[in-house]
Amino acid sequence: MKVFGTIEAYKEEAKKGDRFVLGGVGI
């Protein structure tokens, strides 16, 4: 799994159909 620190950083390499999980902003 490749982790991006922010959605903005991911946007540069994003491709339609990518499968991803989102990091938490809480507990």
mmCIF file of all heavy atoms, coordinates in Angstrom:
data_MODEL
# 
_entry.id   MODEL 
# 
loop_
_atom_site.group_PDB 
_atom_site.id 
_atom_site.type_symbol 
_atom_site.label_atom_id 
_atom_site.label_alt_id 
_atom_site.label_comp_id 
_atom_site.label_asym_id 
_atom_site.label_entity_id 
_atom_site.label_seq_id 
_atom_site.pdbx_PDB_ins_code 
_atom_site.Cartn_x 
_atom_site.Cartn_y 
_atom_site.Cartn_z 
_atom_site.occupancy 
_atom_site.B_iso_or_equiv 
_atom_site.pdbx_formal_charge 
_atom_site.auth_seq_id 
_atom_site.auth_comp_id 
_atom_site.auth_asym_id 
_atom_site.auth_atom_id 
_atom_site.pdbx_PDB_model_num 
ATOM 1   N N   . MET A 1 1  ? 0.853   -1.179 0.000   1.00 0.00 ? 1  MET A N   1 
ATOM 2   C CA  . MET A 1 1  ? 0.000   0.000  0.000   1.00 0.00 ? 1  MET A CA  1 
ATOM 3   C C   . MET A 1 1  ? 0.891   1.232  0.000   1.00 0.00 ? 1  MET A C   1 
ATOM 4   O O   . MET A 1 1  ? 1.814   1.337  0.793   1.00 0.00 ? 1  MET A O   1 
ATOM 5   C CB  . MET A 1 1  ? -0.907  -0.002 1.235   1.00 0.00 ? 1  MET A CB  1 
ATOM 6   C CG  . MET A 1 1  ? -1.749  1.230  1.353   1.00 0.00 ? 1  MET A CG  1 
ATOM 7   S SD  . MET A 1 1  ? -3.040  1.213  2.625   1.00 0.00 ? 1  MET A SD  1 
ATOM 8   C CE  . MET A 1 1  ? -2.155  0.826  4.096   1.00 0.00 ? 1  MET A CE  1 
ATOM 9   N N   . LYS A 1 2  ? 0.597   2.129  -0.905  1.00 0.00 ? 2  LYS A N   1 
ATOM 10  C CA  . LYS A 1 2  ? 1.320   3.395  -0.970  1.00 0.00 ? 2  LYS A CA  1 
ATOM 11  C C   . LYS A 1 2  ? 0.494   4.437  -0.229  1.00 0.00 ? 2  LYS A C   1 
ATOM 12  O O   . LYS A 1 2  ? -0.681  4.621  -0.522  1.00 0.00 ? 2  LYS A O   1 
ATOM 13  C CB  . LYS A 1 2  ? 1.526   3.801  -2.423  1.00 0.00 ? 2  LYS A CB  1 
ATOM 14  C CG  . LYS A 1 2  ? 2.335   5.052  -2.593  1.00 0.00 ? 2  LYS A CG  1 
ATOM 15  C CD  . LYS A 1 2  ? 2.635   5.321  -4.050  1.00 0.00 ? 2  LYS A CD  1 
ATOM 16  C CE  . LYS A 1 2  ? 3.493   6.561  -4.195  1.00 0.00 ? 2  LYS A CE  1 
ATOM 17  N NZ  . LYS A 1 2  ? 3.814   6.822  -5.602  1.00 0.00 ? 2  LYS A NZ  1 
ATOM 18  N N   . VAL A 1 3  ? 1.112   5.107  0.729   1.00 0.00 ? 3  VAL A N   1 
ATOM 19  C CA  . VAL A 1 3  ? 0.400   6.087  1.555   1.00 0.00 ? 3  VAL A CA  1 
ATOM 20  C C   . VAL A 1 3  ? 0.782   7.503  1.136   1.00 0.00 ? 3  VAL A C   1 
ATOM 21  O O   . VAL A 1 3  ? 1.956   7.823  0.977   1.00 0.00 ? 3  VAL A O   1 
ATOM 22  C CB  . VAL A 1 3  ? 0.720   5.871  3.053   1.00 0.00 ? 3  VAL A CB  1 
ATOM 23  C CG1 . VAL A 1 3  ? 0.027   6.922  3.903   1.00 0.00 ? 3  VAL A CG1 1 
ATOM 24  C CG2 . VAL A 1 3  ? 0.305   4.473  3.490   1.00 0.00 ? 3  VAL A CG2 1 
ATOM 25  N N   . PHE A 1 4  ? -0.243  8.332  0.945   1.00 0.00 ? 4  PHE A N   1 
ATOM 26  C CA  . PHE A 1 4  ? -0.071  9.747  0.650   1.00 0.00 ? 4  PHE A CA  1 
ATOM 27  C C   . PHE A 1 4  ? -0.470  10.531 1.888   1.00 0.00 ? 4  PHE A C   1 
ATOM 28  O O   . PHE A 1 4  ? -1.482  10.222 2.521   1.00 0.00 ? 4  PHE A O   1 
ATOM 29  C CB  . PHE A 1 4  ? -0.949  10.165 -0.534  1.00 0.00 ? 4  PHE A CB  1 
ATOM 30  C CG  . PHE A 1 4  ? -0.587  9.479  -1.822  1.00 0.00 ? 4  PHE A CG  1 
ATOM 31  C CD1 . PHE A 1 4  ? -1.167  8.266  -2.156  1.00 0.00 ? 4  PHE A CD1 1 
ATOM 32  C CD2 . PHE A 1 4  ? 0.342   10.040 -2.686  1.00 0.00 ? 4  PHE A CD2 1 
ATOM 33  C CE1 . PHE A 1 4  ? -0.836  7.624  -3.333  1.00 0.00 ? 4  PHE A CE1 1 
ATOM 34  C CE2 . PHE A 1 4  ? 0.670   9.399  -3.875  1.00 0.00 ? 4  PHE A CE2 1 
ATOM 35  C CZ  . PHE A 1 4  ? 0.089   8.192  -4.199  1.00 0.00 ? 4  PHE A CZ  1 
ATOM 36  N N   . GLY A 1 5  ? 0.279   11.558 2.217   1.00 0.00 ? 5  GLY A N   1 
ATOM 37  C CA  . GLY A 1 5  ? 0.009   12.343 3.417   1.00 0.00 ? 5  GLY A CA  1 
ATOM 38  C C   . GLY A 1 5  ? -1.273  13.149 3.359   1.00 0.00 ? 5  GLY A C   1 
ATOM 39  O O   . GLY A 1 5  ? -1.896  13.420 4.375   1.00 0.00 ? 5  GLY A O   1 
ATOM 40  N N   . THR A 1 6  ? -1.683  13.531 2.142   1.00 0.00 ? 6  THR A N   1 
ATOM 41  C CA  . THR A 1 6  ? -2.895  14.329 1.969   1.00 0.00 ? 6  THR A CA  1 
ATOM 42  C C   . THR A 1 6  ? -3.593  13.924 0.666   1.00 0.00 ? 6  THR A C   1 
ATOM 43  O O   . THR A 1 6  ? -2.983  13.303 -0.205  1.00 0.00 ? 6  THR A O   1 
ATOM 44  C CB  . THR A 1 6  ? -2.580  15.840 1.875   1.00 0.00 ? 6  THR A CB  1 
ATOM 45  O OG1 . THR A 1 6  ? -1.796  16.067 0.703   1.00 0.00 ? 6  THR A OG1 1 
ATOM 46  C CG2 . THR A 1 6  ? -1.862  16.351 3.109   1.00 0.00 ? 6  THR A CG2 1 
ATOM 47  N N   . ILE A 1 7  ? -4.849  14.297 0.561   1.00 0.00 ? 7  ILE A N   1 
ATOM 48  C CA  . ILE A 1 7  ? -5.590  14.061 -0.679  1.00 0.00 ? 7  ILE A CA  1 
ATOM 49  C C   . ILE A 1 7  ? -4.969  14.856 -1.816  1.00 0.00 ? 7  ILE A C   1 
ATOM 50  O O   . ILE A 1 7  ? -4.914  14.397 -2.951  1.00 0.00 ? 7  ILE A O   1 
ATOM 51  C CB  . ILE A 1 7  ? -7.080  14.399 -0.482  1.00 0.00 ? 7  ILE A CB  1 
ATOM 52  C CG1 . ILE A 1 7  ? -7.724  13.353 0.428   1.00 0.00 ? 7  ILE A CG1 1 
ATOM 53  C CG2 . ILE A 1 7  ? -7.811  14.477 -1.816  1.00 0.00 ? 7  ILE A CG2 1 
ATOM 54  C CD1 . ILE A 1 7  ? -9.151  13.631 0.816   1.00 0.00 ? 7  ILE A CD1 1 
ATOM 55  N N   . GLU A 1 8  ? -4.452  16.044 -1.506  1.00 0.00 ? 8  GLU A N   1 
ATOM 56  C CA  . GLU A 1 8  ? -3.807  16.863 -2.532  1.00 0.00 ? 8  GLU A CA  1 
ATOM 57  C C   . GLU A 1 8  ? -2.598  16.147 -3.130  1.00 0.00 ? 8  GLU A C   1 
ATOM 58  O O   . GLU A 1 8  ? -2.375  16.194 -4.340  1.00 0.00 ? 8  GLU A O   1 
ATOM 59  C CB  . GLU A 1 8  ? -3.382  18.205 -1.943  1.00 0.00 ? 8  GLU A CB  1 
ATOM 60  C CG  . GLU A 1 8  ? -4.544  19.116 -1.622  1.00 0.00 ? 8  GLU A CG  1 
ATOM 61  C CD  . GLU A 1 8  ? -4.105  20.387 -0.913  1.00 0.00 ? 8  GLU A CD  1 
ATOM 62  O OE1 . GLU A 1 8  ? -2.885  20.608 -0.753  1.00 0.00 ? 8  GLU A OE1 1 
ATOM 63  O OE2 . GLU A 1 8  ? -4.983  21.159 -0.520  1.00 0.00 ? 8  GLU A OE2 1 
ATOM 64  N N   . ALA A 1 9  ? -1.812  15.487 -2.297  1.00 0.00 ? 9  ALA A N   1 
ATOM 65  C CA  . ALA A 1 9  ? -0.647  14.745 -2.788  1.00 0.00 ? 9  ALA A CA  1 
ATOM 66  C C   . ALA A 1 9  ? -1.088  13.556 -3.640  1.00 0.00 ? 9  ALA A C   1 
ATOM 67  O O   . ALA A 1 9  ? -0.473  13.253 -4.667  1.00 0.00 ? 9  ALA A O   1 
ATOM 68  C CB  . ALA A 1 9  ? 0.201   14.270 -1.614  1.00 0.00 ? 9  ALA A CB  1 
ATOM 69  N N   . TYR A 1 10 ? -2.161  12.889 -3.239  1.00 0.00 ? 10 TYR A N   1 
ATOM 70  C CA  . TYR A 1 10 ? -2.685  11.752 -4.002  1.00 0.00 ? 10 TYR A CA  1 
ATOM 71  C C   . TYR A 1 10 ? -3.230  12.196 -5.361  1.00 0.00 ? 10 TYR A C   1 
ATOM 72  O O   . TYR A 1 10 ? -3.095  11.486 -6.351  1.00 0.00 ? 10 TYR A O   1 
ATOM 73  C CB  . TYR A 1 10 ? -3.781  11.043 -3.194  1.00 0.00 ? 10 TYR A CB  1 
ATOM 74  C CG  . TYR A 1 10 ? -4.646  10.118 -4.009  1.00 0.00 ? 10 TYR A CG  1 
ATOM 75  C CD1 . TYR A 1 10 ? -4.112  8.983  -4.606  1.00 0.00 ? 10 TYR A CD1 1 
ATOM 76  C CD2 . TYR A 1 10 ? -5.993  10.387 -4.201  1.00 0.00 ? 10 TYR A CD2 1 
ATOM 77  C CE1 . TYR A 1 10 ? -4.900  8.137  -5.369  1.00 0.00 ? 10 TYR A CE1 1 
ATOM 78  C CE2 . TYR A 1 10 ? -6.782  9.545  -4.956  1.00 0.00 ? 10 TYR A CE2 1 
ATOM 79  C CZ  . TYR A 1 10 ? -6.233  8.421  -5.535  1.00 0.00 ? 10 TYR A CZ  1 
ATOM 80  O OH  . TYR A 1 10 ? -7.019  7.594  -6.288  1.00 0.00 ? 10 TYR A OH  1 
ATOM 81  N N   . LYS A 1 11 ? -3.796  13.371 -5.422  1.00 0.00 ? 11 LYS A N   1 
ATOM 82  C CA  . LYS A 1 11 ? -4.433  13.866 -6.650  1.00 0.00 ? 11 LYS A CA  1 
ATOM 83  C C   . LYS A 1 11 ? -3.463  13.869 -7.823  1.00 0.00 ? 11 LYS A C   1 
ATOM 84  O O   . LYS A 1 11 ? -3.851  13.627 -8.970  1.00 0.00 ? 11 LYS A O   1 
ATOM 85  C CB  . LYS A 1 11 ? -4.993  15.271 -6.404  1.00 0.00 ? 11 LYS A CB  1 
ATOM 86  C CG  . LYS A 1 11 ? -5.731  15.850 -7.579  1.00 0.00 ? 11 LYS A CG  1 
ATOM 87  C CD  . LYS A 1 11 ? -6.294  17.219 -7.248  1.00 0.00 ? 11 LYS A CD  1 
ATOM 88  C CE  . LYS A 1 11 ? -6.996  17.827 -8.439  1.00 0.00 ? 11 LYS A CE  1 
ATOM 89  N NZ  . LYS A 1 11 ? -7.531  19.142 -8.148  1.00 0.00 ? 11 LYS A NZ  1 
ATOM 90  N N   . GLU A 1 12 ? -2.191  14.122 -7.560  1.00 0.00 ? 12 GLU A N   1 
ATOM 91  C CA  . GLU A 1 12 ? -1.186  14.185 -8.632  1.00 0.00 ? 12 GLU A CA  1 
ATOM 92  C C   . GLU A 1 12 ? -1.019  12.838 -9.332  1.00 0.00 ? 12 GLU A C   1 
ATOM 93  O O   . GLU A 1 12 ? -0.692  12.788 -10.506 1.00 0.00 ? 12 GLU A O   1 
ATOM 94  C CB  . GLU A 1 12 ? 0.150   14.666 -8.066  1.00 0.00 ? 12 GLU A CB  1 
ATOM 95  C CG  . GLU A 1 12 ? 0.085   16.082 -7.538  1.00 0.00 ? 12 GLU A CG  1 
ATOM 96  C CD  . GLU A 1 12 ? 1.352   16.493 -6.824  1.00 0.00 ? 12 GLU A CD  1 
ATOM 97  O OE1 . GLU A 1 12 ? 2.366   15.766 -6.908  1.00 0.00 ? 12 GLU A OE1 1 
ATOM 98  O OE2 . GLU A 1 12 ? 1.324   17.549 -6.179  1.00 0.00 ? 12 GLU A OE2 1 
ATOM 99  N N   . GLU A 1 13 ? -1.221  11.718 -8.623  1.00 0.00 ? 13 GLU A N   1 
ATOM 100 C CA  . GLU A 1 13 ? -1.034  10.387 -9.199  1.00 0.00 ? 13 GLU A CA  1 
ATOM 101 C C   . GLU A 1 13 ? -2.345  9.630  -9.376  1.00 0.00 ? 13 GLU A C   1 
ATOM 102 O O   . GLU A 1 13 ? -2.342  8.470  -9.773  1.00 0.00 ? 13 GLU A O   1 
ATOM 103 C CB  . GLU A 1 13 ? -0.109  9.562  -8.305  1.00 0.00 ? 13 GLU A CB  1 
ATOM 104 C CG  . GLU A 1 13 ? 1.293   10.085 -8.240  1.00 0.00 ? 13 GLU A CG  1 
ATOM 105 C CD  . GLU A 1 13 ? 2.213   9.180  -7.448  1.00 0.00 ? 13 GLU A CD  1 
ATOM 106 O OE1 . GLU A 1 13 ? 2.032   7.948  -7.503  1.00 0.00 ? 13 GLU A OE1 1 
ATOM 107 O OE2 . GLU A 1 13 ? 3.100   9.709  -6.773  1.00 0.00 ? 13 GLU A OE2 1 
ATOM 108 N N   . ALA A 1 14 ? -3.459  10.261 -9.063  1.00 0.00 ? 14 ALA A N   1 
ATOM 109 C CA  . ALA A 1 14 ? -4.759  9.581  -9.066  1.00 0.00 ? 14 ALA A CA  1 
ATOM 110 C C   . ALA A 1 14 ? -5.188  9.171  -10.469 1.00 0.00 ? 14 ALA A C   1 
ATOM 111 O O   . ALA A 1 14 ? -4.962  9.888  -11.432 1.00 0.00 ? 14 ALA A O   1 
ATOM 112 C CB  . ALA A 1 14 ? -5.810  10.501 -8.457  1.00 0.00 ? 14 ALA A CB  1 
ATOM 113 N N   . LYS A 1 15 ? -5.794  7.986  -10.528 1.00 0.00 ? 15 LYS A N   1 
ATOM 114 C CA  . LYS A 1 15 ? -6.360  7.492  -11.779 1.00 0.00 ? 15 LYS A CA  1 
ATOM 115 C C   . LYS A 1 15 ? -7.764  6.964  -11.492 1.00 0.00 ? 15 LYS A C   1 
ATOM 116 O O   . LYS A 1 15 ? -8.020  6.404  -10.416 1.00 0.00 ? 15 LYS A O   1 
ATOM 117 C CB  . LYS A 1 15 ? -5.521  6.344  -12.342 1.00 0.00 ? 15 LYS A CB  1 
ATOM 118 C CG  . LYS A 1 15 ? -4.117  6.729  -12.749 1.00 0.00 ? 15 LYS A CG  1 
ATOM 119 C CD  . LYS A 1 15 ? -3.384  5.577  -13.377 1.00 0.00 ? 15 LYS A CD  1 
ATOM 120 C CE  . LYS A 1 15 ? -3.198  4.387  -12.528 1.00 0.00 ? 15 LYS A CE  1 
ATOM 121 N NZ  . LYS A 1 15 ? -2.210  4.360  -11.518 1.00 0.00 ? 15 LYS A NZ  1 
ATOM 122 N N   . LYS A 1 16 ? -8.656  7.150  -12.434 1.00 0.00 ? 16 LYS A N   1 
ATOM 123 C CA  . LYS A 1 16 ? -10.014 6.632  -12.290 1.00 0.00 ? 16 LYS A CA  1 
ATOM 124 C C   . LYS A 1 16 ? -9.944  5.126  -12.036 1.00 0.00 ? 16 LYS A C   1 
ATOM 125 O O   . LYS A 1 16 ? -9.197  4.415  -12.703 1.00 0.00 ? 16 LYS A O   1 
ATOM 126 C CB  . LYS A 1 16 ? -10.821 6.906  -13.562 1.00 0.00 ? 16 LYS A CB  1 
ATOM 127 C CG  . LYS A 1 16 ? -12.244 6.442  -13.481 1.00 0.00 ? 16 LYS A CG  1 
ATOM 128 C CD  . LYS A 1 16 ? -13.004 6.763  -14.744 1.00 0.00 ? 16 LYS A CD  1 
ATOM 129 C CE  . LYS A 1 16 ? -14.421 6.238  -14.634 1.00 0.00 ? 16 LYS A CE  1 
ATOM 130 N NZ  . LYS A 1 16 ? -15.203 6.554  -15.823 1.00 0.00 ? 16 LYS A NZ  1 
ATOM 131 N N   . GLY A 1 17 ? -10.715 4.659  -11.046 1.00 0.00 ? 17 GLY A N   1 
ATOM 132 C CA  . GLY A 1 17 ? -10.732 3.240  -10.712 1.00 0.00 ? 17 GLY A CA  1 
ATOM 133 C C   . GLY A 1 17 ? -9.774  2.853  -9.608  1.00 0.00 ? 17 GLY A C   1 
ATOM 134 O O   . GLY A 1 17 ? -9.759  1.693  -9.182  1.00 0.00 ? 17 GLY A O   1 
ATOM 135 N N   . ASP A 1 18 ? -8.936  3.791  -9.130  1.00 0.00 ? 18 ASP A N   1 
ATOM 136 C CA  . ASP A 1 18 ? -8.039  3.492  -8.003  1.00 0.00 ? 18 ASP A CA  1 
ATOM 137 C C   . ASP A 1 18 ? -8.845  3.002  -6.812  1.00 0.00 ? 18 ASP A C   1 
ATOM 138 O O   . ASP A 1 18 ? -9.936  3.506  -6.531  1.00 0.00 ? 18 ASP A O   1 
ATOM 139 C CB  . ASP A 1 18 ? -7.272  4.748  -7.569  1.00 0.00 ? 18 ASP A CB  1 
ATOM 140 C CG  . ASP A 1 18 ? -6.072  5.056  -8.437  1.00 0.00 ? 18 ASP A CG  1 
ATOM 141 O OD1 . ASP A 1 18 ? -5.705  4.216  -9.270  1.00 0.00 ? 18 ASP A OD1 1 
ATOM 142 O OD2 . ASP A 1 18 ? -5.512  6.152  -8.266  1.00 0.00 ? 18 ASP A OD2 1 
ATOM 143 N N   . ARG A 1 19 ? -8.303  2.051  -6.103  1.00 0.00 ? 19 ARG A N   1 
ATOM 144 C CA  . ARG A 1 19 ? -8.933  1.578  -4.867  1.00 0.00 ? 19 ARG A CA  1 
ATOM 145 C C   . ARG A 1 19 ? -8.080  2.062  -3.699  1.00 0.00 ? 19 ARG A C   1 
ATOM 146 O O   . ARG A 1 19 ? -6.863  1.877  -3.698  1.00 0.00 ? 19 ARG A O   1 
ATOM 147 C CB  . ARG A 1 19 ? -9.040  0.064  -4.887  1.00 0.00 ? 19 ARG A CB  1 
ATOM 148 C CG  . ARG A 1 19 ? -10.013 -0.390 -5.947  1.00 0.00 ? 19 ARG A CG  1 
ATOM 149 C CD  . ARG A 1 19 ? -10.352 -1.842 -5.775  1.00 0.00 ? 19 ARG A CD  1 
ATOM 150 N NE  . ARG A 1 19 ? -11.418 -2.202 -6.676  1.00 0.00 ? 19 ARG A NE  1 
ATOM 151 C CZ  . ARG A 1 19 ? -11.240 -2.892 -7.800  1.00 0.00 ? 19 ARG A CZ  1 
ATOM 152 N NH1 . ARG A 1 19 ? -10.040 -3.273 -8.140  1.00 0.00 ? 19 ARG A NH1 1 
ATOM 153 N NH2 . ARG A 1 19 ? -12.264 -3.202 -8.559  1.00 0.00 ? 19 ARG A NH2 1 
ATOM 154 N N   . PHE A 1 20 ? -8.740  2.689  -2.713  1.00 0.00 ? 20 PHE A N   1 
ATOM 155 C CA  . PHE A 1 20 ? -7.993  3.290  -1.615  1.00 0.00 ? 20 PHE A CA  1 
ATOM 156 C C   . PHE A 1 20 ? -8.787  3.254  -0.320  1.00 0.00 ? 20 PHE A C   1 
ATOM 157 O O   . PHE A 1 20 ? -9.989  3.015  -0.315  1.00 0.00 ? 20 PHE A O   1 
ATOM 158 C CB  . PHE A 1 20 ? -7.611  4.737  -1.952  1.00 0.00 ? 20 PHE A CB  1 
ATOM 159 C CG  . PHE A 1 20 ? -8.786  5.646  -2.189  1.00 0.00 ? 20 PHE A CG  1 
ATOM 160 C CD1 . PHE A 1 20 ? -9.314  6.372  -1.147  1.00 0.00 ? 20 PHE A CD1 1 
ATOM 161 C CD2 . PHE A 1 20 ? -9.354  5.772  -3.447  1.00 0.00 ? 20 PHE A CD2 1 
ATOM 162 C CE1 . PHE A 1 20 ? -10.399 7.225  -1.352  1.00 0.00 ? 20 PHE A CE1 1 
ATOM 163 C CE2 . PHE A 1 20 ? -10.425 6.615  -3.666  1.00 0.00 ? 20 PHE A CE2 1 
ATOM 164 C CZ  . PHE A 1 20 ? -10.950 7.335  -2.611  1.00 0.00 ? 20 PHE A CZ  1 
ATOM 165 N N   . VAL A 1 21 ? -8.078  3.469  0.781   1.00 0.00 ? 21 VAL A N   1 
ATOM 166 C CA  . VAL A 1 21 ? -8.695  3.644  2.093   1.00 0.00 ? 21 VAL A CA  1 
ATOM 167 C C   . VAL A 1 21 ? -8.283  5.021  2.591   1.00 0.00 ? 21 VAL A C   1 
ATOM 168 O O   . VAL A 1 21 ? -7.244  5.556  2.198   1.00 0.00 ? 21 VAL A O   1 
ATOM 169 C CB  . VAL A 1 21 ? -8.258  2.543  3.094   1.00 0.00 ? 21 VAL A CB  1 
ATOM 170 C CG1 . VAL A 1 21 ? -8.841  1.208  2.713   1.00 0.00 ? 21 VAL A CG1 1 
ATOM 171 C CG2 . VAL A 1 21 ? -6.754  2.448  3.200   1.00 0.00 ? 21 VAL A CG2 1 
ATOM 172 N N   . LEU A 1 22 ? -9.122  5.595  3.433   1.00 0.00 ? 22 LEU A N   1 
ATOM 173 C CA  . LEU A 1 22 ? -8.846  6.922  3.983   1.00 0.00 ? 22 LEU A CA  1 
ATOM 174 C C   . LEU A 1 22 ? -8.338  6.799  5.409   1.00 0.00 ? 22 LEU A C   1 
ATOM 175 O O   . LEU A 1 22 ? -8.850  5.994  6.186   1.00 0.00 ? 22 LEU A O   1 
ATOM 176 C CB  . LEU A 1 22 ? -10.107 7.781  3.965   1.00 0.00 ? 22 LEU A CB  1 
ATOM 177 C CG  . LEU A 1 22 ? -10.627 8.162  2.583   1.00 0.00 ? 22 LEU A CG  1 
ATOM 178 C CD1 . LEU A 1 22 ? -11.984 8.839  2.703   1.00 0.00 ? 22 LEU A CD1 1 
ATOM 179 C CD2 . LEU A 1 22 ? -9.641  9.065  1.869   1.00 0.00 ? 22 LEU A CD2 1 
ATOM 180 N N   . GLY A 1 23 ? -7.345  7.607  5.741   1.00 0.00 ? 23 GLY A N   1 
ATOM 181 C CA  . GLY A 1 23 ? -6.854  7.660  7.109   1.00 0.00 ? 23 GLY A CA  1 
ATOM 182 C C   . GLY A 1 23 ? -7.847  8.376  7.994   1.00 0.00 ? 23 GLY A C   1 
ATOM 183 O O   . GLY A 1 23 ? -8.662  9.169  7.525   1.00 0.00 ? 23 GLY A O   1 
ATOM 184 N N   . GLY A 1 24 ? -7.786  8.094  9.266   1.00 0.00 ? 24 GLY A N   1 
ATOM 185 C CA  . GLY A 1 24 ? -8.730  8.690  10.200  1.00 0.00 ? 24 GLY A CA  1 
ATOM 186 C C   . GLY A 1 24 ? -8.388  10.107 10.571  1.00 0.00 ? 24 GLY A C   1 
ATOM 187 O O   . GLY A 1 24 ? -7.245  10.529 10.491  1.00 0.00 ? 24 GLY A O   1 
ATOM 188 N N   . VAL A 1 25 ? -9.398  10.845 10.965  1.00 0.00 ? 25 VAL A N   1 
ATOM 189 C CA  . VAL A 1 25 ? -9.192  12.195 11.479  1.00 0.00 ? 25 VAL A CA  1 
ATOM 190 C C   . VAL A 1 25 ? -9.619  12.242 12.945  1.00 0.00 ? 25 VAL A C   1 
ATOM 191 O O   . VAL A 1 25 ? -9.667  13.296 13.536  1.00 0.00 ? 25 VAL A O   1 
ATOM 192 C CB  . VAL A 1 25 ? -9.977  13.251 10.656  1.00 0.00 ? 25 VAL A CB  1 
ATOM 193 C CG1 . VAL A 1 25 ? -9.375  13.382 9.281   1.00 0.00 ? 25 VAL A CG1 1 
ATOM 194 C CG2 . VAL A 1 25 ? -11.434 12.904 10.560  1.00 0.00 ? 25 VAL A CG2 1 
ATOM 195 N N   . GLY A 1 26 ? -9.901  11.105 13.503  1.00 0.00 ? 26 GLY A N   1 
ATOM 196 C CA  . GLY A 1 26 ? -10.335 10.999 14.902  1.00 0.00 ? 26 GLY A CA  1 
ATOM 197 C C   . GLY A 1 26 ? -9.607  9.859  15.588  1.00 0.00 ? 26 GLY A C   1 
ATOM 198 O O   . GLY A 1 26 ? -8.414  9.673  15.405  1.00 0.00 ? 26 GLY A O   1 
ATOM 199 N N   . ILE A 1 27 ? -10.343 9.064  16.329  1.00 0.00 ? 27 ILE A N   1 
ATOM 200 C CA  . ILE A 1 27 ? -9.759  7.971  17.107  1.00 0.00 ? 27 ILE A CA  1 
ATOM 201 C C   . ILE A 1 27 ? -9.288  6.823  16.213  1.00 0.00 ? 27 ILE A C   1 
ATOM 202 O O   . ILE A 1 27 ? -8.216  6.279  16.402  1.00 0.00 ? 27 ILE A O   1 
ATOM 203 C CB  . ILE A 1 27 ? -10.783 7.456  18.145  1.00 0.00 ? 27 ILE A CB  1 
ATOM 204 C CG1 . ILE A 1 27 ? -11.108 8.562  19.131  1.00 0.00 ? 27 ILE A CG1 1 
ATOM 205 C CG2 . ILE A 1 27 ? -10.268 6.222  18.852  1.00 0.00 ? 27 ILE A CG2 1 
ATOM 206 C CD1 . ILE A 1 27 ? -12.244 8.251  20.071  1.00 0.00 ? 27 ILE A CD1 1 
# 
